[in-house]
Protein backbone atom coordinates (compact mmCIF):
# COMPACT_ATOMS: atom_id res chain seq x y z
CA UNK A 1 77.28 -40.65 46.93
CA UNK A 2 77.09 -37.77 49.68
CA UNK A 3 74.25 -38.17 52.11
CA UNK A 4 71.64 -35.40 51.78
CA UNK A 5 72.03 -32.95 54.46
CA UNK A 6 70.36 -29.72 55.36
CA UNK A 7 70.92 -27.53 58.42
CA UNK A 8 68.77 -24.19 58.11
CA UNK A 9 68.05 -21.43 60.22
CA UNK A 10 64.99 -19.14 59.46
CA UNK A 11 64.11 -15.84 60.98
CA UNK A 12 60.36 -15.60 60.36
CA UNK A 13 57.53 -13.28 61.46
CA UNK A 14 54.91 -15.21 63.66
CA UNK A 15 51.97 -13.35 65.10
CA UNK A 16 52.18 -9.88 65.49
CA UNK A 17 54.88 -7.37 64.06
CA UNK A 18 57.51 -8.27 66.81
CA UNK A 19 57.09 -11.94 67.38
CA UNK A 20 59.96 -13.85 65.83
CA UNK A 21 61.10 -17.46 65.89
CA UNK A 22 64.67 -18.85 64.99
CA UNK A 23 64.65 -22.62 64.44
CA UNK A 24 67.16 -25.08 63.09
CA UNK A 25 66.49 -28.32 61.01
CA UNK A 26 68.87 -31.12 60.86
CA UNK A 27 68.81 -33.87 58.37
CA UNK A 28 71.58 -36.24 58.57
CA UNK A 29 71.93 -39.15 60.87
CA UNK A 30 75.85 -38.38 61.53
CA UNK A 31 74.54 -35.06 62.93
CA UNK A 32 72.12 -36.35 65.51
CA UNK A 33 74.67 -35.31 68.05
CA UNK A 34 74.48 -31.49 67.06
CA UNK A 35 70.44 -31.95 67.60
CA UNK A 36 71.30 -33.40 70.99
CA UNK A 37 73.91 -30.81 72.04
CA UNK A 38 71.29 -28.00 70.93
CA UNK A 39 68.56 -29.56 73.17
CA UNK A 40 70.14 -30.88 76.27
CA UNK A 41 67.72 -33.07 78.11
CA UNK A 42 65.10 -34.82 75.90
CA UNK A 43 62.84 -37.81 76.10
CA UNK A 44 63.02 -40.86 73.76
CA UNK A 45 60.25 -43.22 72.80
CA UNK A 46 61.44 -46.38 71.15
CA UNK A 47 58.10 -48.01 70.91
CA UNK A 48 59.66 -50.99 72.98
CA UNK A 49 58.32 -49.47 76.39
CA UNK A 50 54.99 -51.06 75.83
CA UNK A 51 53.58 -54.20 74.19
CA UNK A 52 52.51 -53.71 70.55
CA UNK A 53 49.11 -52.22 70.32
CA UNK A 54 46.37 -51.01 67.72
CA UNK A 55 45.08 -47.69 67.98
CA UNK A 56 47.96 -46.08 69.92
CA UNK A 57 46.56 -43.06 71.77
CA UNK A 58 47.30 -42.62 75.56
CA UNK A 59 49.91 -45.24 76.11
CA UNK A 60 52.62 -42.44 76.50
CA UNK A 61 50.61 -39.91 78.38
CA UNK A 62 53.09 -40.31 81.40
CA UNK A 63 55.75 -39.01 79.25
CA UNK A 64 53.36 -35.92 78.24
CA UNK A 65 52.37 -36.91 74.73
CA UNK A 66 49.26 -38.54 73.29
CA UNK A 67 49.11 -40.04 69.95
CA UNK A 68 46.30 -39.35 67.36
CA UNK A 69 45.54 -39.99 63.72
CA UNK A 70 45.20 -42.94 61.63
CA UNK A 71 45.37 -46.59 62.92
CA UNK A 72 48.81 -46.89 64.51
CA UNK A 73 50.65 -50.22 64.93
CA UNK A 74 53.98 -51.44 65.97
CA UNK A 75 55.72 -54.23 64.09
CA UNK A 76 58.93 -55.81 63.70
CA UNK A 77 60.89 -55.03 60.48
CA UNK A 78 64.54 -54.34 59.46
CA UNK A 79 63.27 -50.98 58.25
CA UNK A 80 63.43 -49.92 61.78
CA UNK A 81 67.15 -50.06 62.06
CA UNK A 82 67.45 -49.04 65.70
CA UNK A 83 65.58 -52.09 67.22
CA UNK A 84 63.09 -53.62 64.49
CA UNK A 85 60.19 -52.03 66.28
CA UNK A 86 58.39 -48.68 65.17
CA UNK A 87 55.13 -46.99 64.47
CA UNK A 88 53.17 -47.37 61.43
CA UNK A 89 50.84 -44.36 61.20
CA UNK A 90 49.09 -45.01 57.97
CA UNK A 91 48.73 -41.47 56.41
CA UNK A 92 48.91 -39.47 59.64
CA UNK A 93 50.15 -39.40 63.17
CA UNK A 94 49.34 -36.52 65.48
CA UNK A 95 51.35 -36.11 68.54
CA UNK A 96 49.76 -33.66 71.16
CA UNK A 97 52.06 -32.63 74.02
CA UNK A 98 50.87 -31.78 77.52
CA UNK A 99 53.10 -28.62 77.80
CA UNK A 100 54.61 -26.81 74.63
CA UNK A 101 58.07 -27.93 73.84
CA UNK A 102 60.94 -26.46 72.00
CA UNK A 103 62.61 -29.56 70.29
CA UNK A 104 61.65 -32.69 68.35
CA UNK A 105 63.20 -35.52 66.46
CA UNK A 106 62.82 -38.71 64.72
CA UNK A 107 64.45 -41.69 63.14
CA UNK A 108 62.46 -42.93 60.27
CA UNK A 109 62.46 -44.87 57.02
CA UNK A 110 60.80 -43.51 53.89
CA UNK A 111 59.27 -40.20 53.52
CA UNK A 112 57.64 -37.98 56.12
CA UNK A 113 56.03 -34.51 55.94
CA UNK A 114 56.20 -32.58 59.31
CA UNK A 115 54.12 -29.70 60.58
CA UNK A 116 54.41 -27.81 63.79
CA UNK A 117 51.44 -26.08 65.75
CA UNK A 118 51.07 -23.80 68.88
CA UNK A 119 47.61 -23.46 70.34
CA UNK A 120 46.27 -24.74 66.69
CA UNK A 121 48.21 -22.43 64.69
CA UNK A 122 50.89 -23.34 62.41
CA UNK A 123 54.37 -22.22 63.34
CA UNK A 124 57.49 -22.03 60.71
CA UNK A 125 59.49 -24.94 60.23
CA UNK A 126 58.86 -28.50 58.69
CA UNK A 127 58.22 -29.72 55.30
CA UNK A 128 58.88 -33.18 53.52
CA UNK A 129 61.90 -35.02 54.69
CA UNK A 130 63.43 -38.40 53.74
CA UNK A 131 63.18 -40.57 50.59
CA UNK A 132 63.28 -44.13 49.80
CA UNK A 133 65.47 -46.32 52.20
CA UNK A 134 65.97 -46.66 55.74
CA UNK A 135 67.90 -44.75 58.45
CA UNK A 136 66.89 -41.22 57.99
CA UNK A 137 67.09 -38.65 60.89
CA UNK A 138 65.20 -35.39 61.21
CA UNK A 139 65.80 -32.96 64.01
CA UNK A 140 64.16 -29.48 64.92
CA UNK A 141 64.73 -27.06 67.44
CA UNK A 142 62.75 -23.78 67.81
CA UNK A 143 62.82 -20.71 70.09
CA UNK A 144 58.87 -20.78 69.89
CA UNK A 145 57.48 -23.64 71.85
CA UNK A 146 54.68 -25.85 69.99
CA UNK A 147 52.39 -28.45 71.51
CA UNK A 148 51.67 -30.39 68.43
CA UNK A 149 53.41 -32.24 65.74
CA UNK A 150 51.75 -33.64 62.71
CA UNK A 151 53.51 -36.41 60.79
CA UNK A 152 51.96 -37.23 57.36
CA UNK A 153 52.35 -38.61 53.93
CA UNK A 154 49.60 -37.80 51.42
CA UNK A 155 51.27 -40.65 49.10
CA UNK A 156 51.94 -43.48 51.54
CA UNK A 157 52.44 -44.38 55.19
CA UNK A 158 54.07 -42.85 57.94
CA UNK A 159 56.67 -44.99 59.51
CA UNK A 160 58.58 -43.96 62.69
CA UNK A 161 61.55 -45.72 64.17
CA UNK A 162 62.26 -43.54 67.29
CA UNK A 163 60.91 -40.29 68.47
CA UNK A 164 62.81 -37.62 70.50
CA UNK A 165 61.39 -34.40 72.20
CA UNK A 166 62.74 -31.77 74.30
CA UNK A 167 62.19 -29.45 77.26
CA UNK A 168 59.60 -26.55 76.96
CA UNK A 169 62.07 -23.68 77.41
CA UNK A 170 65.65 -23.66 76.10
CA UNK A 171 68.30 -23.22 78.44
CA UNK A 172 70.47 -19.97 77.99
CA UNK A 173 73.40 -22.24 76.67
CA UNK A 174 71.17 -24.01 74.11
CA UNK A 175 69.48 -20.87 72.74
CA UNK A 176 73.26 -19.57 72.22
CA UNK A 177 74.10 -22.93 70.50
CA UNK A 178 71.08 -22.56 68.32
CA UNK A 179 71.82 -19.08 67.06
CA UNK A 180 75.80 -20.08 66.53
CA UNK A 181 74.58 -23.44 64.73
CA UNK A 182 72.49 -21.16 62.48
CA UNK A 183 75.29 -18.77 61.74
CA UNK A 184 78.03 -21.40 61.02
CA UNK A 185 75.70 -23.95 59.35
CA UNK A 186 74.42 -22.44 56.02
CA UNK A 187 72.65 -24.78 53.73
CA UNK A 188 74.73 -26.08 51.05
CA UNK A 189 73.65 -25.75 47.40
């Protein structure tokens, strides 16, 4: 069976007639290196950096992110294929970044919906990703910075293995790669 793969670029109107955003979404664990190339420097959270906690919120504030939403706990399970430790966010996990960023990615089991926000307004990108099973990857790179990511599942729990997020402004090389990746990597039908 072929692994479900989608790499899409969209040109959309945001706020105002001239504001536009290009974004790339990657869903395929084998294409995580493409996301890393597009982003350059990024921060990784494996949830092993701190002891297991209930009600995760500001434990990662030194990395520039605060967690919110339903009860969040870490636990050991084979579903978290990277290291056995991850995040259980019940139906919602909200990540708020100290400064706007342009890239986000995650390893996760199950199904997760993703939405991006800038100053409380939703920006283009996101949707429902994954399926039953383990070992899914989702990556997002945008030319419009965002300061909040909402991960949710209306019919179950949000499980996150590892999180990755990138710099606030893409380097010129990364912006060019984003454009080239979008032109060369059209979604398969």
